[in-house]
Amino acid sequence: RYVRKARRAAGSTGQVLLQLLEMRLDNTVFRMGMAPT
């Protein structure tokens, strides 16, 4: 589903896919250091 969403967006599909995954709430909480994994 994320790949299909990235395909529809403008720009490089691979880069948009990584951005979509990185901007998920669970990943954002992890990157802020609130959780170890």
Full PDB file with SEQRES, HELIX, SHEET, SSBOND, CRYST1, ORIGX, SCALE, CONECT and MASTER records, all heavy atoms in Angstrom:
SEQRES   1 A   37  ARG TYR VAL ARG LYS ALA ARG ARG ALA ALA GLY SER THR          
SEQRES   2 A   37  GLY GLN VAL LEU LEU GLN LEU LEU GLU MET ARG LEU ASP          
SEQRES   3 A   37  ASN THR VAL PHE ARG MET GLY MET ALA PRO THR                  
HELIX    1 AA1 TYR A    2  ARG A    8  1                                   7    
HELIX    2 AA2 THR A   13  GLU A   22  1                                  10    
HELIX    3 AA3 LEU A   25  ARG A   31  1                                   7    
CRYST1    1.000    1.000    1.000  90.00  90.00  90.00 P 1           1          
ORIGX1      1.000000  0.000000  0.000000        0.00000                         
ORIGX2      0.000000  1.000000  0.000000        0.00000                         
ORIGX3      0.000000  0.000000  1.000000        0.00000                         
SCALE1      1.000000  0.000000  0.000000        0.00000                         
SCALE2      0.000000  1.000000  0.000000        0.00000                         
SCALE3      0.000000  0.000000  1.000000        0.00000                         
ATOM      1  N   ARG A   1       0.832  -1.206   0.000  1.00  0.00           N  
ATOM      2  CA  ARG A   1       0.000   0.000   0.000  1.00  0.00           C  
ATOM      3  C   ARG A   1       0.875   1.267   0.000  1.00  0.00           C  
ATOM      4  O   ARG A   1       0.592   2.236  -0.694  1.00  0.00           O  
ATOM      5  CB  ARG A   1      -0.913  -0.005   1.230  1.00  0.00           C  
ATOM      6  CG  ARG A   1      -2.165   0.843   1.056  1.00  0.00           C  
ATOM      7  CD  ARG A   1      -3.076   0.736   2.266  1.00  0.00           C  
ATOM      8  NE  ARG A   1      -3.609  -0.603   2.416  1.00  0.00           N  
ATOM      9  CZ  ARG A   1      -3.876  -1.177   3.591  1.00  0.00           C  
ATOM     10  NH1 ARG A   1      -3.611  -0.532   4.711  1.00  0.00           N  
ATOM     11  NH2 ARG A   1      -4.385  -2.392   3.658  1.00  0.00           N  
ATOM     12  N   TYR A   2       1.966   1.229   0.776  1.00  0.00           N  
ATOM     13  CA  TYR A   2       2.894   2.369   0.810  1.00  0.00           C  
ATOM     14  C   TYR A   2       3.575   2.571  -0.548  1.00  0.00           C  
ATOM     15  O   TYR A   2       3.775   3.698  -0.977  1.00  0.00           O  
ATOM     16  CB  TYR A   2       3.956   2.164   1.898  1.00  0.00           C  
ATOM     17  CG  TYR A   2       3.512   2.594   3.277  1.00  0.00           C  
ATOM     18  CD1 TYR A   2       3.388   1.675   4.312  1.00  0.00           C  
ATOM     19  CD2 TYR A   2       3.220   3.924   3.556  1.00  0.00           C  
ATOM     20  CE1 TYR A   2       2.981   2.065   5.585  1.00  0.00           C  
ATOM     21  CE2 TYR A   2       2.813   4.327   4.822  1.00  0.00           C  
ATOM     22  CZ  TYR A   2       2.692   3.392   5.831  1.00  0.00           C  
ATOM     23  OH  TYR A   2       2.283   3.786   7.085  1.00  0.00           O  
ATOM     24  N   VAL A   3       3.938   1.459  -1.200  1.00  0.00           N  
ATOM     25  CA  VAL A   3       4.585   1.549  -2.517  1.00  0.00           C  
ATOM     26  C   VAL A   3       3.628   2.189  -3.521  1.00  0.00           C  
ATOM     27  O   VAL A   3       4.017   3.059  -4.302  1.00  0.00           O  
ATOM     28  CB  VAL A   3       5.057   0.156  -3.002  1.00  0.00           C  
ATOM     29  CG1 VAL A   3       5.534   0.205  -4.448  1.00  0.00           C  
ATOM     30  CG2 VAL A   3       6.177  -0.364  -2.116  1.00  0.00           C  
ATOM     31  N   ARG A   4       2.361   1.773  -3.488  1.00  0.00           N  
ATOM     32  CA  ARG A   4       1.365   2.345  -4.410  1.00  0.00           C  
ATOM     33  C   ARG A   4       1.154   3.833  -4.140  1.00  0.00           C  
ATOM     34  O   ARG A   4       0.997   4.628  -5.069  1.00  0.00           O  
ATOM     35  CB  ARG A   4       0.040   1.589  -4.276  1.00  0.00           C  
ATOM     36  CG  ARG A   4       0.086   0.225  -4.943  1.00  0.00           C  
ATOM     37  CD  ARG A   4      -1.176  -0.552  -4.743  1.00  0.00           C  
ATOM     38  NE  ARG A   4      -1.112  -1.813  -5.486  1.00  0.00           N  
ATOM     39  CZ  ARG A   4      -1.797  -2.895  -5.151  1.00  0.00           C  
ATOM     40  NH1 ARG A   4      -2.591  -2.891  -4.089  1.00  0.00           N  
ATOM     41  NH2 ARG A   4      -1.701  -3.995  -5.883  1.00  0.00           N  
ATOM     42  N   LYS A   5       1.167   4.188  -2.866  1.00  0.00           N  
ATOM     43  CA  LYS A   5       1.011   5.597  -2.484  1.00  0.00           C  
ATOM     44  C   LYS A   5       2.211   6.421  -2.975  1.00  0.00           C  
ATOM     45  O   LYS A   5       2.053   7.541  -3.472  1.00  0.00           O  
ATOM     46  CB  LYS A   5       0.890   5.700  -0.954  1.00  0.00           C  
ATOM     47  CG  LYS A   5       0.320   7.012  -0.460  1.00  0.00           C  
ATOM     48  CD  LYS A   5       0.087   6.943   1.040  1.00  0.00           C  
ATOM     49  CE  LYS A   5      -0.442   8.239   1.584  1.00  0.00           C  
ATOM     50  NZ  LYS A   5      -0.626   8.189   3.050  1.00  0.00           N  
ATOM     51  N   ALA A   6       3.406   5.858  -2.839  1.00  0.00           N  
ATOM     52  CA  ALA A   6       4.640   6.532  -3.279  1.00  0.00           C  
ATOM     53  C   ALA A   6       4.656   6.696  -4.796  1.00  0.00           C  
ATOM     54  O   ALA A   6       5.156   7.695  -5.317  1.00  0.00           O  
ATOM     55  CB  ALA A   6       5.860   5.741  -2.820  1.00  0.00           C  
ATOM     56  N   ARG A   7       4.092   5.709  -5.507  1.00  0.00           N  
ATOM     57  CA  ARG A   7       4.021   5.776  -6.971  1.00  0.00           C  
ATOM     58  C   ARG A   7       3.193   6.975  -7.435  1.00  0.00           C  
ATOM     59  O   ARG A   7       3.508   7.623  -8.426  1.00  0.00           O  
ATOM     60  CB  ARG A   7       3.347   4.503  -7.505  1.00  0.00           C  
ATOM     61  CG  ARG A   7       4.299   3.370  -7.706  1.00  0.00           C  
ATOM     62  CD  ARG A   7       4.712   3.266  -9.172  1.00  0.00           C  
ATOM     63  NE  ARG A   7       5.867   2.409  -9.304  1.00  0.00           N  
ATOM     64  CZ  ARG A   7       5.794   1.088  -9.382  1.00  0.00           C  
ATOM     65  NH1 ARG A   7       4.635   0.485  -9.320  1.00  0.00           N  
ATOM     66  NH2 ARG A   7       6.901   0.394  -9.527  1.00  0.00           N  
ATOM     67  N   ARG A   8       2.087   7.220  -6.715  1.00  0.00           N  
ATOM     68  CA  ARG A   8       1.173   8.305  -7.107  1.00  0.00           C  
ATOM     69  C   ARG A   8       1.746   9.686  -6.800  1.00  0.00           C  
ATOM     70  O   ARG A   8       1.360  10.677  -7.409  1.00  0.00           O  
ATOM     71  CB  ARG A   8      -0.185   8.138  -6.409  1.00  0.00           C  
ATOM     72  CG  ARG A   8      -0.988   6.946  -6.908  1.00  0.00           C  
ATOM     73  CD  ARG A   8      -2.420   7.015  -6.446  1.00  0.00           C  
ATOM     74  NE  ARG A   8      -2.540   6.939  -4.999  1.00  0.00           N  
ATOM     75  CZ  ARG A   8      -2.705   5.808  -4.315  1.00  0.00           C  
ATOM     76  NH1 ARG A   8      -2.751   4.642  -4.961  1.00  0.00           N  
ATOM     77  NH2 ARG A   8      -2.811   5.807  -3.000  1.00  0.00           N  
ATOM     78  N   ALA A   9       2.652   9.751  -5.819  1.00  0.00           N  
ATOM     79  CA  ALA A   9       3.225  11.044  -5.415  1.00  0.00           C  
ATOM     80  C   ALA A   9       4.281  11.505  -6.414  1.00  0.00           C  
ATOM     81  O   ALA A   9       4.854  10.708  -7.147  1.00  0.00           O  
ATOM     82  CB  ALA A   9       3.843  10.922  -4.029  1.00  0.00           C  
ATOM     83  N   ALA A  10       4.525  12.809  -6.426  1.00  0.00           N  
ATOM     84  CA  ALA A  10       5.549  13.373  -7.320  1.00  0.00           C  
ATOM     85  C   ALA A  10       6.933  13.099  -6.742  1.00  0.00           C  
ATOM     86  O   ALA A  10       7.101  13.021  -5.528  1.00  0.00           O  
ATOM     87  CB  ALA A  10       5.324  14.869  -7.451  1.00  0.00           C  
ATOM     88  N   GLY A  11       7.915  12.952  -7.615  1.00  0.00           N  
ATOM     89  CA  GLY A  11       9.296  12.730  -7.172  1.00  0.00           C  
ATOM     90  C   GLY A  11       9.714  11.280  -7.284  1.00  0.00           C  
ATOM     91  O   GLY A  11       8.980  10.435  -7.806  1.00  0.00           O  
ATOM     92  N   SER A  12      10.901  10.982  -6.778  1.00  0.00           N  
ATOM     93  CA  SER A  12      11.457   9.630  -6.836  1.00  0.00           C  
ATOM     94  C   SER A  12      10.637   8.686  -5.954  1.00  0.00           C  
ATOM     95  O   SER A  12      10.483   8.932  -4.756  1.00  0.00           O  
ATOM     96  CB  SER A  12      12.910   9.654  -6.362  1.00  0.00           C  
ATOM     97  OG  SER A  12      13.353   8.352  -6.091  1.00  0.00           O  
ATOM     98  N   THR A  13      10.128   7.606  -6.548  1.00  0.00           N  
ATOM     99  CA  THR A  13       9.258   6.665  -5.814  1.00  0.00           C  
ATOM    100  C   THR A  13       9.971   6.096  -4.594  1.00  0.00           C  
ATOM    101  O   THR A  13       9.385   6.032  -3.507  1.00  0.00           O  
ATOM    102  CB  THR A  13       8.797   5.519  -6.743  1.00  0.00           C  
ATOM    103  OG1 THR A  13       8.179   6.085  -7.895  1.00  0.00           O  
ATOM    104  CG2 THR A  13       7.813   4.606  -6.050  1.00  0.00           C  
ATOM    105  N   GLY A  14      11.239   5.695  -4.746  1.00  0.00           N  
ATOM    106  CA  GLY A  14      11.993   5.111  -3.638  1.00  0.00           C  
ATOM    107  C   GLY A  14      12.169   6.074  -2.485  1.00  0.00           C  
ATOM    108  O   GLY A  14      11.996   5.716  -1.317  1.00  0.00           O  
ATOM    109  N   GLN A  15      12.480   7.313  -2.808  1.00  0.00           N  
ATOM    110  CA  GLN A  15      12.686   8.329  -1.776  1.00  0.00           C  
ATOM    111  C   GLN A  15      11.385   8.673  -1.060  1.00  0.00           C  
ATOM    112  O   GLN A  15      11.353   8.806   0.165  1.00  0.00           O  
ATOM    113  CB  GLN A  15      13.273   9.593  -2.413  1.00  0.00           C  
ATOM    114  CG  GLN A  15      14.137  10.380  -1.440  1.00  0.00           C  
ATOM    115  CD  GLN A  15      15.038  11.366  -2.160  1.00  0.00           C  
ATOM    116  OE1 GLN A  15      15.626  11.043  -3.183  1.00  0.00           O  
ATOM    117  NE2 GLN A  15      15.139  12.558  -1.635  1.00  0.00           N  
ATOM    118  N   VAL A  16      10.302   8.788  -1.831  1.00  0.00           N  
ATOM    119  CA  VAL A  16       8.972   9.086  -1.246  1.00  0.00           C  
ATOM    120  C   VAL A  16       8.553   7.941  -0.330  1.00  0.00           C  
ATOM    121  O   VAL A  16       8.003   8.163   0.750  1.00  0.00           O  
ATOM    122  CB  VAL A  16       7.914   9.334  -2.354  1.00  0.00           C  
ATOM    123  CG1 VAL A  16       6.516   9.457  -1.752  1.00  0.00           C  
ATOM    124  CG2 VAL A  16       8.247  10.586  -3.153  1.00  0.00           C  
ATOM    125  N   LEU A  17       8.837   6.703  -0.742  1.00  0.00           N  
ATOM    126  CA  LEU A  17       8.498   5.529   0.071  1.00  0.00           C  
ATOM    127  C   LEU A  17       9.196   5.584   1.428  1.00  0.00           C  
ATOM    128  O   LEU A  17       8.560   5.394   2.475  1.00  0.00           O  
ATOM    129  CB  LEU A  17       8.902   4.251  -0.683  1.00  0.00           C  
ATOM    130  CG  LEU A  17       8.737   2.923   0.065  1.00  0.00           C  
ATOM    131  CD1 LEU A  17       7.274   2.654   0.393  1.00  0.00           C  
ATOM    132  CD2 LEU A  17       9.318   1.767  -0.735  1.00  0.00           C  
ATOM    133  N   LEU A  18      10.506   5.891   1.413  1.00  0.00           N  
ATOM    134  CA  LEU A  18      11.257   6.000   2.666  1.00  0.00           C  
ATOM    135  C   LEU A  18      10.722   7.135   3.540  1.00  0.00           C  
ATOM    136  O   LEU A  18      10.632   7.007   4.758  1.00  0.00           O  
ATOM    137  CB  LEU A  18      12.744   6.214   2.386  1.00  0.00           C  
ATOM    138  CG  LEU A  18      13.532   4.992   1.910  1.00  0.00           C  
ATOM    139  CD1 LEU A  18      14.966   5.382   1.612  1.00  0.00           C  
ATOM    140  CD2 LEU A  18      13.513   3.867   2.941  1.00  0.00           C  
ATOM    141  N   GLN A  19      10.344   8.254   2.911  1.00  0.00           N  
ATOM    142  CA  GLN A  19       9.800   9.388   3.661  1.00  0.00           C  
ATOM    143  C   GLN A  19       8.474   9.019   4.317  1.00  0.00           C  
ATOM    144  O   GLN A  19       8.224   9.367   5.479  1.00  0.00           O  
ATOM    145  CB  GLN A  19       9.619  10.596   2.740  1.00  0.00           C  
ATOM    146  CG  GLN A  19      10.932  11.289   2.397  1.00  0.00           C  
ATOM    147  CD  GLN A  19      10.782  12.357   1.328  1.00  0.00           C  
ATOM    148  OE1 GLN A  19       9.747  12.475   0.674  1.00  0.00           O  
ATOM    149  NE2 GLN A  19      11.824  13.142   1.129  1.00  0.00           N  
ATOM    150  N   LEU A  20       7.620   8.297   3.596  1.00  0.00           N  
ATOM    151  CA  LEU A  20       6.329   7.870   4.155  1.00  0.00           C  
ATOM    152  C   LEU A  20       6.533   6.976   5.368  1.00  0.00           C  
ATOM    153  O   LEU A  20       5.850   7.121   6.385  1.00  0.00           O  
ATOM    154  CB  LEU A  20       5.511   7.113   3.097  1.00  0.00           C  
ATOM    155  CG  LEU A  20       4.859   7.927   1.981  1.00  0.00           C  
ATOM    156  CD1 LEU A  20       4.293   7.005   0.907  1.00  0.00           C  
ATOM    157  CD2 LEU A  20       3.744   8.825   2.525  1.00  0.00           C  
ATOM    158  N   LEU A  21       7.498   6.063   5.276  1.00  0.00           N  
ATOM    159  CA  LEU A  21       7.765   5.136   6.380  1.00  0.00           C  
ATOM    160  C   LEU A  21       8.405   5.848   7.564  1.00  0.00           C  
ATOM    161  O   LEU A  21       8.077   5.570   8.720  1.00  0.00           O  
ATOM    162  CB  LEU A  21       8.656   3.988   5.907  1.00  0.00           C  
ATOM    163  CG  LEU A  21       8.055   3.059   4.838  1.00  0.00           C  
ATOM    164  CD1 LEU A  21       9.086   2.051   4.364  1.00  0.00           C  
ATOM    165  CD2 LEU A  21       6.826   2.344   5.356  1.00  0.00           C  
ATOM    166  N   GLU A  22       9.306   6.782   7.278  1.00  0.00           N  
ATOM    167  CA  GLU A  22       9.988   7.515   8.348  1.00  0.00           C  
ATOM    168  C   GLU A  22       9.041   8.471   9.080  1.00  0.00           C  
ATOM    169  O   GLU A  22       9.267   8.787  10.250  1.00  0.00           O  
ATOM    170  CB  GLU A  22      11.175   8.299   7.789  1.00  0.00           C  
ATOM    171  CG  GLU A  22      12.406   7.449   7.529  1.00  0.00           C  
ATOM    172  CD  GLU A  22      13.159   7.041   8.785  1.00  0.00           C  
ATOM    173  OE1 GLU A  22      13.097   7.760   9.800  1.00  0.00           O  
ATOM    174  OE2 GLU A  22      13.820   5.993   8.754  1.00  0.00           O  
ATOM    175  N   MET A  23       7.996   8.945   8.387  1.00  0.00           N  
ATOM    176  CA  MET A  23       7.070   9.904   9.003  1.00  0.00           C  
ATOM    177  C   MET A  23       5.924   9.224   9.752  1.00  0.00           C  
ATOM    178  O   MET A  23       5.022   9.887  10.261  1.00  0.00           O  
ATOM    179  CB  MET A  23       6.500  10.858   7.944  1.00  0.00           C  
ATOM    180  CG  MET A  23       7.540  11.726   7.257  1.00  0.00           C  
ATOM    181  SD  MET A  23       8.540  12.725   8.358  1.00  0.00           S  
ATOM    182  CE  MET A  23       7.448  14.109   8.634  1.00  0.00           C  
ATOM    183  N   ARG A  24       5.956   7.888   9.848  1.00  0.00           N  
ATOM    184  CA  ARG A  24       4.962   7.183  10.677  1.00  0.00           C  
ATOM    185  C   ARG A  24       5.153   7.601  12.138  1.00  0.00           C  
ATOM    186  O   ARG A  24       6.274   7.884  12.561  1.00  0.00           O  
ATOM    187  CB  ARG A  24       5.155   5.672  10.557  1.00  0.00           C  
ATOM    188  CG  ARG A  24       4.582   5.040   9.306  1.00  0.00           C  
ATOM    189  CD  ARG A  24       5.056   3.598   9.185  1.00  0.00           C  
ATOM    190  NE  ARG A  24       4.695   2.792  10.351  1.00  0.00           N  
ATOM    191  CZ  ARG A  24       3.662   1.951  10.391  1.00  0.00           C  
ATOM    192  NH1 ARG A  24       2.894   1.790   9.336  1.00  0.00           N  
ATOM    193  NH2 ARG A  24       3.404   1.244  11.482  1.00  0.00           N  
ATOM    194  N   LEU A  25       4.076   7.598  12.905  1.00  0.00           N  
ATOM    195  CA  LEU A  25       4.159   8.048  14.305  1.00  0.00           C  
ATOM    196  C   LEU A  25       5.074   7.155  15.136  1.00  0.00           C  
ATOM    197  O   LEU A  25       5.886   7.649  15.918  1.00  0.00           O  
ATOM    198  CB  LEU A  25       2.755   8.113  14.931  1.00  0.00           C  
ATOM    199  CG  LEU A  25       2.683   8.583  16.389  1.00  0.00           C  
ATOM    200  CD1 LEU A  25       3.278   9.981  16.563  1.00  0.00           C  
ATOM    201  CD2 LEU A  25       1.247   8.562  16.907  1.00  0.00           C  
ATOM    202  N   ASP A  26       4.966   5.823  14.960  1.00  0.00           N  
ATOM    203  CA  ASP A  26       5.815   4.933  15.764  1.00  0.00           C  
ATOM    204  C   ASP A  26       7.300   5.159  15.481  1.00  0.00           C  
ATOM    205  O   ASP A  26       8.127   5.175  16.387  1.00  0.00           O  
ATOM    206  CB  ASP A  26       5.426   3.456  15.593  1.00  0.00           C  
ATOM    207  CG  ASP A  26       5.446   2.959  14.153  1.00  0.00           C  
ATOM    208  OD1 ASP A  26       5.693   3.773  13.244  1.00  0.00           O  
ATOM    209  OD2 ASP A  26       5.191   1.753  13.945  1.00  0.00           O  
ATOM    210  N   ASN A  27       7.640   5.401  14.204  1.00  0.00           N  
ATOM    211  CA  ASN A  27       9.041   5.646  13.854  1.00  0.00           C  
ATOM    212  C   ASN A  27       9.508   7.004  14.372  1.00  0.00           C  
ATOM    213  O   ASN A  27      10.642   7.143  14.826  1.00  0.00           O  
ATOM    214  CB  ASN A  27       9.232   5.575  12.337  1.00  0.00           C  
ATOM    215  CG  ASN A  27      10.694   5.640  11.966  1.00  0.00           C  
ATOM    216  OD1 ASN A  27      11.449   4.707  12.192  1.00  0.00           O  
ATOM    217  ND2 ASN A  27      11.119   6.781  11.442  1.00  0.00           N  
ATOM    218  N   THR A  28       8.628   8.018  14.321  1.00  0.00           N  
ATOM    219  CA  THR A  28       8.981   9.361  14.820  1.00  0.00           C  
ATOM    220  C   THR A  28       9.253   9.323  16.322  1.00  0.00           C  
ATOM    221  O   THR A  28      10.217   9.925  16.792  1.00  0.00           O  
ATOM    222  CB  THR A  28       7.856  10.369  14.488  1.00  0.00           C  
ATOM    223  OG1 THR A  28       7.599  10.310  13.077  1.00  0.00           O  
ATOM    224  CG2 THR A  28       8.228  11.781  14.858  1.00  0.00           C  
ATOM    225  N   VAL A  29       8.426   8.574  17.054  1.00  0.00           N  
ATOM    226  CA  VAL A  29       8.610   8.401  18.504  1.00  0.00           C  
ATOM    227  C   VAL A  29       9.954   7.721  18.772  1.00  0.00           C  
ATOM    228  O   VAL A  29      10.706   8.119  19.664  1.00  0.00           O  
ATOM    229  CB  VAL A  29       7.429   7.584  19.106  1.00  0.00           C  
ATOM    230  CG1 VAL A  29       7.745   7.093  20.515  1.00  0.00           C  
ATOM    231  CG2 VAL A  29       6.160   8.427  19.116  1.00  0.00           C  
ATOM    232  N   PHE A  30      10.283   6.715  17.962  1.00  0.00           N  
ATOM    233  CA  PHE A  30      11.567   6.007  18.088  1.00  0.00           C  
ATOM    234  C   PHE A  30      12.739   6.939  17.794  1.00  0.00           C  
ATOM    235  O   PHE A  30      13.732   6.958  18.521  1.00  0.00           O  
ATOM    236  CB  PHE A  30      11.567   4.797  17.130  1.00  0.00           C  
ATOM    237  CG  PHE A  30      12.932   4.249  16.816  1.00  0.00           C  
ATOM    238  CD1 PHE A  30      13.699   3.633  17.794  1.00  0.00           C  
ATOM    239  CD2 PHE A  30      13.455   4.328  15.526  1.00  0.00           C  
ATOM    240  CE1 PHE A  30      14.956   3.118  17.494  1.00  0.00           C  
ATOM    241  CE2 PHE A  30      14.709   3.816  15.226  1.00  0.00           C  
ATOM    242  CZ  PHE A  30      15.459   3.214  16.213  1.00  0.00           C  
ATOM    243  N   ARG A  31      12.637   7.740  16.727  1.00  0.00           N  
ATOM    244  CA  ARG A  31      13.736   8.636  16.340  1.00  0.00           C  
ATOM    245  C   ARG A  31      13.948   9.757  17.359  1.00  0.00           C  
ATOM    246  O   ARG A  31      15.040  10.308  17.465  1.00  0.00           O  
ATOM    247  CB  ARG A  31      13.491   9.233  14.953  1.00  0.00           C  
ATOM    248  CG  ARG A  31      13.511   8.256  13.788  1.00  0.00           C  
ATOM    249  CD  ARG A  31      14.768   7.417  13.681  1.00  0.00           C  
ATOM    250  NE  ARG A  31      15.959   8.135  13.335  1.00  0.00           N  
ATOM    251  CZ  ARG A  31      16.453   8.259  12.109  1.00  0.00           C  
ATOM    252  NH1 ARG A  31      15.841   7.697  11.088  1.00  0.00           N  
ATOM    253  NH2 ARG A  31      17.566   8.914  11.890  1.00  0.00           N  
ATOM    254  N   MET A  32      12.900  10.107  18.097  1.00  0.00           N  
ATOM    255  CA  MET A  32      13.047  11.123  19.152  1.00  0.00           C  
ATOM    256  C   MET A  32      13.702  10.546  20.404  1.00  0.00           C  
ATOM    257  O   MET A  32      14.043  11.284  21.325  1.00  0.00           O  
ATOM    258  CB  MET A  32      11.679  11.713  19.506  1.00  0.00           C  
ATOM    259  CG  MET A  32      11.153  12.690  18.470  1.00  0.00           C  
ATOM    260  SD  MET A  32       9.529  13.324  18.936  1.00  0.00           S  
ATOM    261  CE  MET A  32       9.272  14.554  17.653  1.00  0.00           C  
ATOM    262  N   GLY A  33      13.824   9.224  20.453  1.00  0.00           N  
ATOM    263  CA  GLY A  33      14.489   8.577  21.594  1.00  0.00           C  
ATOM    264  C   GLY A  33      13.547   8.164  22.705  1.00  0.00           C  
ATOM    265  O   GLY A  33      13.983   7.736  23.768  1.00  0.00           O  
ATOM    266  N   MET A  34      12.234   8.288  22.465  1.00  0.00           N  
ATOM    267  CA  MET A  34      11.261   7.917  23.504  1.00  0.00           C  
ATOM    268  C   MET A  34      11.164   6.408  23.689  1.00  0.00           C  
ATOM    269  O   MET A  34      10.612   5.936  24.674  1.00  0.00           O  
ATOM    270  CB  MET A  34       9.872   8.449  23.155  1.00  0.00           C  
ATOM    271  CG  MET A  34       9.732   9.952  23.185  1.00  0.00           C  
ATOM    272  SD  MET A  34       7.987  10.367  23.049  1.00  0.00           S  
ATOM    273  CE  MET A  34       8.039  11.815  22.017  1.00  0.00           C  
ATOM    274  N   ALA A  35      11.663   5.639  22.711  1.00  0.00           N  
ATOM    275  CA  ALA A  35      11.629   4.173  22.787  1.00  0.00           C  
ATOM    276  C   ALA A  35      12.916   3.614  22.186  1.00  0.00           C  
ATOM    277  O   ALA A  35      13.484   4.211  21.281  1.00  0.00           O  
ATOM    278  CB  ALA A  35      10.407   3.651  22.034  1.00  0.00           C  
ATOM    279  N   PRO A  36      13.383   2.458  22.678  1.00  0.00           N  
ATOM    280  CA  PRO A  36      14.659   1.902  22.192  1.00  0.00           C  
ATOM    281  C   PRO A  36      14.579   1.289  20.793  1.00  0.00           C  
ATOM    282  O   PRO A  36      15.565   1.235  20.084  1.00  0.00           O  
ATOM    283  CB  PRO A  36      14.994   0.837  23.235  1.00  0.00           C  
ATOM    284  CG  PRO A  36      13.695   0.464  23.846  1.00  0.00           C  
ATOM    285  CD  PRO A  36      12.833   1.689  23.796  1.00  0.00           C  
ATOM    286  N   THR A  37      13.386   0.803  20.396  1.00  0.00           N  
ATOM    287  CA  THR A  37      13.198   0.200  19.069  1.00  0.00           C  
ATOM    288  C   THR A  37      11.839   0.624  18.520  1.00  0.00           C  
ATOM    289  O   THR A  37      11.004   1.151  19.256  1.00  0.00           O  
ATOM    290  CB  THR A  37      13.233  -1.344  19.141  1.00  0.00           C  
ATOM    291  OG1 THR A  37      12.174  -1.773  20.009  1.00  0.00           O  
ATOM    292  CG2 THR A  37      14.556  -1.874  19.644  1.00  0.00           C  
TER     293      THR A  37                                                      
MASTER        0    0    0    3    0    0    0    6  292    1    0    3          
END                                                                             
